[in-house]
Amino acid sequence: MDDLPLILAAPLMAAMIWTDLRHMRISNTLVGAVALLGLGCALAGLMPDLAPRLIAGGAVFLAGLALFAMGVMGGGDVKMLAVLVPLVPPAALPDFAMLLSATMLAGALLLMGVRRIAGGPESQWESLRARGRYPLGLSIAAAAMILPLGL
């Protein structure tokens, strides 16, 4: 089952959604946990096509560094994508990219609406106070959890 690494990562993705919405931050601990999961999956033989997966993760990291330098992405987003992409089967990378784009659009629209209703300086949720910023961890995690469903 090619999607098993992503399925195993689902609880970590749920934690990422929570922390990024709550604090607009993806912790290094969470990034490390996903990286360790990937290492465990590789050692267990769940990722036989490891070389293309690692190349994809490296390419995403380099592109993410450029986006980080331009102020487009946060550091946690870059690190998480770099360790998560190797969990995606290489043949499913285009689908993951499309899902990521779709969840970014849906998430931005949803967050705009929620900010109008419950946002503002008094909100306990950083993502509801942070105008002009988007918790990308929401979309990264959603795409990673939807992909194994084959939708």
Protein backbone atom coordinates (compact mmCIF):
# COMPACT_ATOMS: atom_id res chain seq x y z
CA MET A 1 0.00 0.00 0.00
CA ASP A 2 1.78 3.11 -1.29
CA ASP A 3 -0.29 5.49 0.83
CA LEU A 4 0.45 3.83 4.18
CA PRO A 5 3.12 6.40 5.18
CA LEU A 6 0.58 9.20 4.67
CA ILE A 7 -2.09 7.28 6.55
CA LEU A 8 0.32 6.81 9.45
CA ALA A 9 1.09 10.54 9.36
CA ALA A 10 -2.60 11.53 9.75
CA PRO A 11 -2.46 12.10 13.55
CA LEU A 12 0.59 14.32 13.07
CA MET A 13 -1.23 16.20 10.32
CA ALA A 14 -4.20 16.75 12.65
CA ALA A 15 -1.82 18.14 15.27
CA MET A 16 -0.32 20.44 12.63
CA ILE A 17 -3.74 21.81 11.72
CA TRP A 18 -4.45 22.56 15.37
CA THR A 19 -1.13 24.23 16.15
CA ASP A 20 -0.96 26.25 12.95
CA LEU A 21 -4.52 27.55 13.36
CA ARG A 22 -4.01 28.22 17.06
CA HIS A 23 -0.49 29.69 17.03
CA MET A 24 0.43 30.21 13.31
CA ARG A 25 3.45 28.01 13.95
CA ILE A 26 4.64 24.54 12.97
CA SER A 27 7.05 23.30 15.60
CA ASN A 28 10.37 21.66 14.89
CA THR A 29 9.18 18.80 17.12
CA LEU A 30 6.29 18.11 14.77
CA VAL A 31 8.57 18.37 11.71
CA GLY A 32 10.99 15.97 13.40
CA ALA A 33 8.19 13.51 14.18
CA VAL A 34 7.16 13.43 10.50
CA ALA A 35 10.81 12.99 9.49
CA LEU A 36 11.20 10.09 11.95
CA LEU A 37 8.00 8.53 10.62
CA GLY A 38 9.43 8.74 7.11
CA LEU A 39 12.69 7.16 8.26
CA GLY A 40 10.77 4.36 9.97
CA CYS A 41 8.67 3.77 6.87
CA ALA A 42 11.79 3.67 4.70
CA LEU A 43 13.49 1.18 7.04
CA ALA A 44 10.33 -0.95 7.12
CA GLY A 45 10.36 -1.15 3.33
CA LEU A 46 7.17 0.88 2.88
CA MET A 47 8.91 3.25 0.46
CA PRO A 48 10.82 1.06 -2.02
CA ASP A 49 11.18 3.98 -4.44
CA LEU A 50 13.11 6.02 -1.88
CA ALA A 51 15.50 7.83 -4.24
CA PRO A 52 12.82 9.69 -6.24
CA ARG A 53 10.99 10.50 -3.02
CA LEU A 54 14.10 12.06 -1.49
CA ILE A 55 14.85 13.97 -4.69
CA ALA A 56 11.31 15.38 -4.64
CA GLY A 57 11.68 16.36 -0.98
CA GLY A 58 14.99 18.08 -1.73
CA ALA A 59 13.52 19.96 -4.68
CA VAL A 60 10.58 21.12 -2.55
CA PHE A 61 13.00 22.24 0.16
CA LEU A 62 15.06 24.30 -2.30
CA ALA A 63 11.96 25.91 -3.82
CA GLY A 64 10.62 26.53 -0.32
CA LEU A 65 13.87 28.21 0.72
CA ALA A 66 13.50 30.64 -2.16
CA LEU A 67 9.89 31.36 -1.17
CA PHE A 68 10.94 31.77 2.46
CA ALA A 69 13.65 34.25 1.43
CA MET A 70 10.99 36.25 -0.44
CA GLY A 71 8.72 36.21 2.62
CA VAL A 72 6.05 34.12 0.91
CA MET A 73 6.29 31.04 3.15
CA GLY A 74 7.12 30.48 6.79
CA GLY A 75 10.07 28.37 7.84
CA GLY A 76 7.90 25.69 9.44
CA ASP A 77 5.89 25.34 6.24
CA VAL A 78 9.08 24.85 4.22
CA LYS A 79 10.49 22.26 6.60
CA MET A 80 7.22 20.36 6.89
CA LEU A 81 6.70 20.15 3.14
CA ALA A 82 10.29 18.95 2.70
CA VAL A 83 9.83 16.05 5.14
CA LEU A 84 6.24 15.28 4.10
CA VAL A 85 6.76 15.09 0.32
CA PRO A 86 8.88 11.90 0.59
CA LEU A 87 5.86 10.21 2.18
CA VAL A 88 3.89 10.88 -1.02
CA PRO A 89 4.26 8.17 -3.68
CA PRO A 90 6.15 9.68 -6.65
CA ALA A 91 3.31 8.89 -9.07
CA ALA A 92 0.91 10.81 -6.79
CA LEU A 93 2.98 14.02 -6.59
CA PRO A 94 0.91 15.83 -9.27
CA ASP A 95 -2.28 14.89 -7.40
CA PHE A 96 -0.75 16.11 -4.14
CA ALA A 97 0.19 19.42 -5.79
CA MET A 98 -3.35 19.85 -7.10
CA LEU A 99 -4.84 18.98 -3.71
CA LEU A 100 -2.49 21.43 -2.02
CA SER A 101 -3.60 24.16 -4.40
CA ALA A 102 -7.28 23.34 -3.91
CA THR A 103 -6.98 23.21 -0.11
CA MET A 104 -5.12 26.53 -0.13
CA LEU A 105 -7.97 28.17 -2.03
CA ALA A 106 -10.67 26.53 0.07
CA GLY A 107 -8.81 27.25 3.29
CA ALA A 108 -8.25 30.91 2.41
CA LEU A 109 -11.93 31.39 1.59
CA LEU A 110 -13.04 29.57 4.72
CA LEU A 111 -10.63 31.51 6.90
CA MET A 112 -11.82 34.82 5.42
CA GLY A 113 -15.36 33.94 6.42
CA VAL A 114 -14.46 32.76 9.89
CA ARG A 115 -12.33 35.88 10.47
CA ARG A 116 -15.37 38.04 9.67
CA ILE A 117 -17.48 36.17 12.21
CA ALA A 118 -15.07 35.26 15.01
CA GLY A 119 -11.82 37.06 14.19
CA GLY A 120 -10.39 40.21 15.60
CA PRO A 121 -7.85 41.29 18.16
CA GLU A 122 -9.72 39.58 21.02
CA SER A 123 -9.60 36.11 19.43
CA GLN A 124 -7.52 33.46 21.19
CA TRP A 125 -6.62 31.94 17.82
CA GLU A 126 -3.64 33.58 16.14
CA SER A 127 -4.88 32.60 12.68
CA LEU A 128 -8.07 34.59 13.30
CA ARG A 129 -6.12 37.67 14.43
CA ALA A 130 -3.43 37.52 11.72
CA ARG A 131 -4.76 39.57 8.82
CA GLY A 132 -2.90 39.09 5.56
CA ARG A 133 -1.34 35.82 6.68
CA TYR A 134 -2.44 32.25 6.05
CA PRO A 135 -1.69 29.13 8.15
CA LEU A 136 -0.33 26.98 5.32
CA GLY A 137 -0.08 23.98 7.64
CA LEU A 138 -3.86 23.70 7.32
CA SER A 139 -3.60 23.10 3.58
CA ILE A 140 -0.48 20.93 3.76
CA ALA A 141 -2.14 18.63 6.29
CA ALA A 142 -5.50 18.58 4.51
CA ALA A 143 -3.86 17.61 1.20
CA ALA A 144 -1.83 14.88 2.93
CA MET A 145 -4.95 13.45 4.61
CA ILE A 146 -7.18 13.65 1.52
CA LEU A 147 -4.70 12.10 -0.94
CA PRO A 148 -4.95 8.51 0.44
CA LEU A 149 -8.74 8.71 0.14
CA GLY A 150 -8.42 8.90 -3.63
CA LEU A 151 -10.86 11.76 -3.97
